[in-house]
Amino acid sequence: MVQFFILKSFRALLVCVLLAVGVDGATAQMDRHYQNGTFGFALSLSGGLADYRSVTSPEGITFTSPDGMAVVNVFGEWNEAGQSLPAIVARYKSELPGADFTYEWHGRDAVVLSGYQSGDIFYTRIAMSPDHSRVAVLNMIYAPEVKRQLDPVVERLSTSLTIR
């Protein structure tokens, strides 16, 4: 499983590691729709990520802004333990030490968490497959200075995330 929740001091390090393991910038520019066959999730990449660098893996895809001020990561994971969505959300919340949650929304098969951690803004959408065997997670972490630019991108990505 890919872990994404990071402290601000590690954002630059994460960008360097992602660039070192193999960048596939063409994915974000050429394909306006990302689909992960392993975990059965998809999302629309239209608008806002064209100049971001991307790295793909079997678990998902990570985008990094050219200035390193924003990282977008979407990945899937197996729900091998058969946990409920509230239990999965509790686990993710525990992995955000010192986070200040400013927004939380719970739907039938999805949850959104957002707030601040170490001075950065984070946004997380966790969606569970209909059979509860898989989870798709959209994570974004970005500097407050780019909030105005990224708010519409966050909304488009979040509302387009689906898992079958």
Protein backbone atom coordinates (compact mmCIF):
# COMPACT_ATOMS: atom_id res chain seq x y z
CA MET A 1 0.00 0.00 0.00
CA VAL A 2 1.25 3.47 -0.82
CA GLN A 3 1.26 5.83 2.13
CA PHE A 4 0.82 9.47 1.24
CA PHE A 5 0.22 11.40 4.42
CA ILE A 6 3.37 13.42 4.91
CA LEU A 7 4.58 16.29 7.00
CA LYS A 8 5.39 19.57 5.31
CA SER A 9 9.12 19.15 5.83
CA PHE A 10 8.99 15.99 3.73
CA ARG A 11 7.07 17.46 0.76
CA ALA A 12 10.25 18.44 -1.10
CA LEU A 13 11.80 15.05 -0.34
CA LEU A 14 8.70 13.29 -1.69
CA VAL A 15 8.93 15.30 -4.91
CA CYS A 16 12.60 14.34 -5.34
CA VAL A 17 11.89 10.65 -4.70
CA LEU A 18 8.97 10.61 -7.14
CA LEU A 19 11.07 12.24 -9.83
CA ALA A 20 13.93 9.82 -9.23
CA VAL A 21 11.84 6.63 -9.52
CA GLY A 22 10.62 7.39 -13.01
CA VAL A 23 8.58 10.25 -14.30
CA ASP A 24 5.94 9.74 -16.94
CA GLY A 25 4.88 13.30 -17.73
CA ALA A 26 3.04 12.22 -20.87
CA THR A 27 0.37 10.42 -18.81
CA ALA A 28 -0.99 13.63 -17.34
CA GLN A 29 -0.87 15.57 -20.61
CA MET A 30 -2.12 13.01 -23.11
CA ASP A 31 -4.67 11.00 -21.16
CA ARG A 32 -7.55 13.03 -19.71
CA HIS A 33 -8.90 10.00 -17.87
CA TYR A 34 -6.97 7.72 -15.53
CA GLN A 35 -8.19 4.19 -14.92
CA ASN A 36 -6.57 1.65 -12.63
CA GLY A 37 -7.37 -1.90 -13.70
CA THR A 38 -5.97 -3.52 -10.57
CA PHE A 39 -8.25 -1.73 -8.13
CA GLY A 40 -11.07 -0.70 -10.49
CA PHE A 41 -11.02 3.03 -9.87
CA ALA A 42 -10.97 5.92 -12.30
CA LEU A 43 -10.96 9.70 -12.33
CA SER A 44 -11.00 12.54 -14.80
CA LEU A 45 -7.78 14.49 -15.16
CA SER A 46 -9.29 17.31 -17.16
CA GLY A 47 -8.08 20.72 -16.15
CA GLY A 48 -5.41 21.77 -13.74
CA LEU A 49 -2.82 18.98 -14.02
CA ALA A 50 -1.51 19.41 -17.56
CA ASP A 51 1.87 20.77 -16.48
CA TYR A 52 2.27 18.41 -13.50
CA ARG A 53 4.74 15.55 -13.68
CA SER A 54 3.30 12.13 -13.09
CA VAL A 55 4.55 8.80 -11.82
CA THR A 56 2.48 5.67 -12.23
CA SER A 57 2.63 2.45 -10.26
CA PRO A 58 0.38 -0.61 -10.04
CA GLU A 59 -1.36 1.04 -7.05
CA GLY A 60 -2.11 4.37 -8.77
CA ILE A 61 -0.67 7.63 -9.97
CA THR A 62 1.04 10.61 -8.37
CA PHE A 63 1.23 14.14 -9.79
CA THR A 64 3.65 16.82 -8.67
CA SER A 65 3.38 20.49 -9.59
CA PRO A 66 6.38 22.02 -11.38
CA ASP A 67 7.14 24.22 -8.35
CA GLY A 68 6.75 21.35 -5.85
CA MET A 69 4.01 23.18 -3.95
CA ALA A 70 1.36 20.53 -4.65
CA VAL A 71 1.27 16.74 -4.75
CA VAL A 72 -1.77 14.75 -5.88
CA ASN A 73 -1.81 11.02 -5.23
CA VAL A 74 -4.58 8.58 -6.06
CA PHE A 75 -4.19 4.92 -5.26
CA GLY A 76 -6.10 1.77 -4.51
CA GLU A 77 -5.75 -0.81 -1.81
CA TRP A 78 -7.32 -4.13 -0.94
CA ASN A 79 -9.67 -4.28 2.02
CA GLU A 80 -8.37 -7.69 3.05
CA ALA A 81 -9.51 -7.34 6.64
CA GLY A 82 -13.06 -6.55 5.51
CA GLN A 83 -13.09 -3.29 7.44
CA SER A 84 -16.05 -0.96 7.36
CA LEU A 85 -15.63 2.47 5.79
CA PRO A 86 -15.69 4.17 9.23
CA ALA A 87 -12.85 1.86 10.40
CA ILE A 88 -10.78 2.67 7.31
CA VAL A 89 -11.38 6.39 7.85
CA ALA A 90 -10.32 6.07 11.50
CA ARG A 91 -7.07 4.45 10.35
CA TYR A 92 -6.37 7.26 7.89
CA LYS A 93 -7.13 9.89 10.51
CA SER A 94 -4.68 8.23 12.90
CA GLU A 95 -2.01 8.50 10.18
CA LEU A 96 -2.34 12.30 10.21
CA PRO A 97 -0.57 13.26 13.43
CA GLY A 98 -1.27 16.83 14.46
CA ALA A 99 -3.83 17.36 11.72
CA ASP A 100 -6.45 20.04 12.16
CA PHE A 101 -9.59 18.69 10.46
CA THR A 102 -11.71 21.56 9.17
CA TYR A 103 -14.12 19.59 7.00
CA GLU A 104 -15.52 16.07 7.10
CA TRP A 105 -18.25 14.61 4.92
CA HIS A 106 -19.61 11.06 5.12
CA GLY A 107 -21.57 9.45 2.32
CA ARG A 108 -22.75 5.87 1.97
CA ASP A 109 -19.58 4.63 0.23
CA ALA A 110 -17.24 7.62 0.43
CA VAL A 111 -15.76 10.03 2.95
CA VAL A 112 -13.99 13.37 2.51
CA LEU A 113 -11.52 14.76 5.03
CA SER A 114 -9.70 18.06 4.73
CA GLY A 115 -7.81 20.49 6.86
CA TYR A 116 -4.29 21.55 7.72
CA GLN A 117 -1.20 19.67 8.75
CA SER A 118 2.17 21.26 9.39
CA GLY A 119 1.09 24.41 7.56
CA ASP A 120 -0.09 22.64 4.40
CA ILE A 121 -3.63 21.99 3.23
CA PHE A 122 -4.67 18.38 2.80
CA TYR A 123 -7.70 16.92 1.09
CA THR A 124 -8.55 13.23 1.14
CA ARG A 125 -11.44 11.35 -0.46
CA ILE A 126 -11.78 7.68 0.43
CA ALA A 127 -14.19 5.65 -1.72
CA MET A 128 -15.13 2.02 -1.13
CA SER A 129 -16.05 -0.41 -3.90
CA PRO A 130 -19.64 -1.70 -3.92
CA ASP A 131 -18.48 -5.15 -2.79
CA HIS A 132 -16.27 -3.57 -0.06
CA SER A 133 -13.20 -5.47 -1.26
CA ARG A 134 -11.26 -2.41 -2.45
CA VAL A 135 -10.73 1.22 -1.54
CA ALA A 136 -9.65 4.14 -3.72
CA VAL A 137 -7.97 7.09 -2.04
CA LEU A 138 -7.41 10.56 -3.48
CA ASN A 139 -4.90 12.60 -1.48
CA MET A 140 -3.83 16.14 -2.18
CA ILE A 141 -1.39 18.16 -0.14
CA TYR A 142 -0.53 21.70 -1.12
CA ALA A 143 0.77 24.98 0.16
CA PRO A 144 -1.81 27.59 1.21
CA GLU A 145 -0.36 29.96 -1.40
CA VAL A 146 -1.83 27.83 -4.22
CA LYS A 147 -5.23 27.23 -2.60
CA ARG A 148 -7.09 29.59 -4.93
CA GLN A 149 -5.64 27.82 -7.99
CA LEU A 150 -6.26 24.32 -6.67
CA ASP A 151 -9.74 24.59 -5.18
CA PRO A 152 -11.43 23.96 -8.57
CA VAL A 153 -8.99 21.12 -9.33
CA VAL A 154 -9.75 19.49 -5.97
CA GLU A 155 -13.47 19.62 -6.71
CA ARG A 156 -13.12 18.18 -10.23
CA LEU A 157 -10.85 15.34 -9.16
CA SER A 158 -12.92 14.48 -6.11
CA THR A 159 -16.27 14.40 -7.87
CA SER A 160 -14.87 12.34 -10.73
CA LEU A 161 -13.33 9.59 -8.56
CA THR A 162 -15.26 6.36 -9.00
CA ILE A 163 -14.63 2.75 -8.00
CA ARG A 164 -16.52 -0.18 -9.42
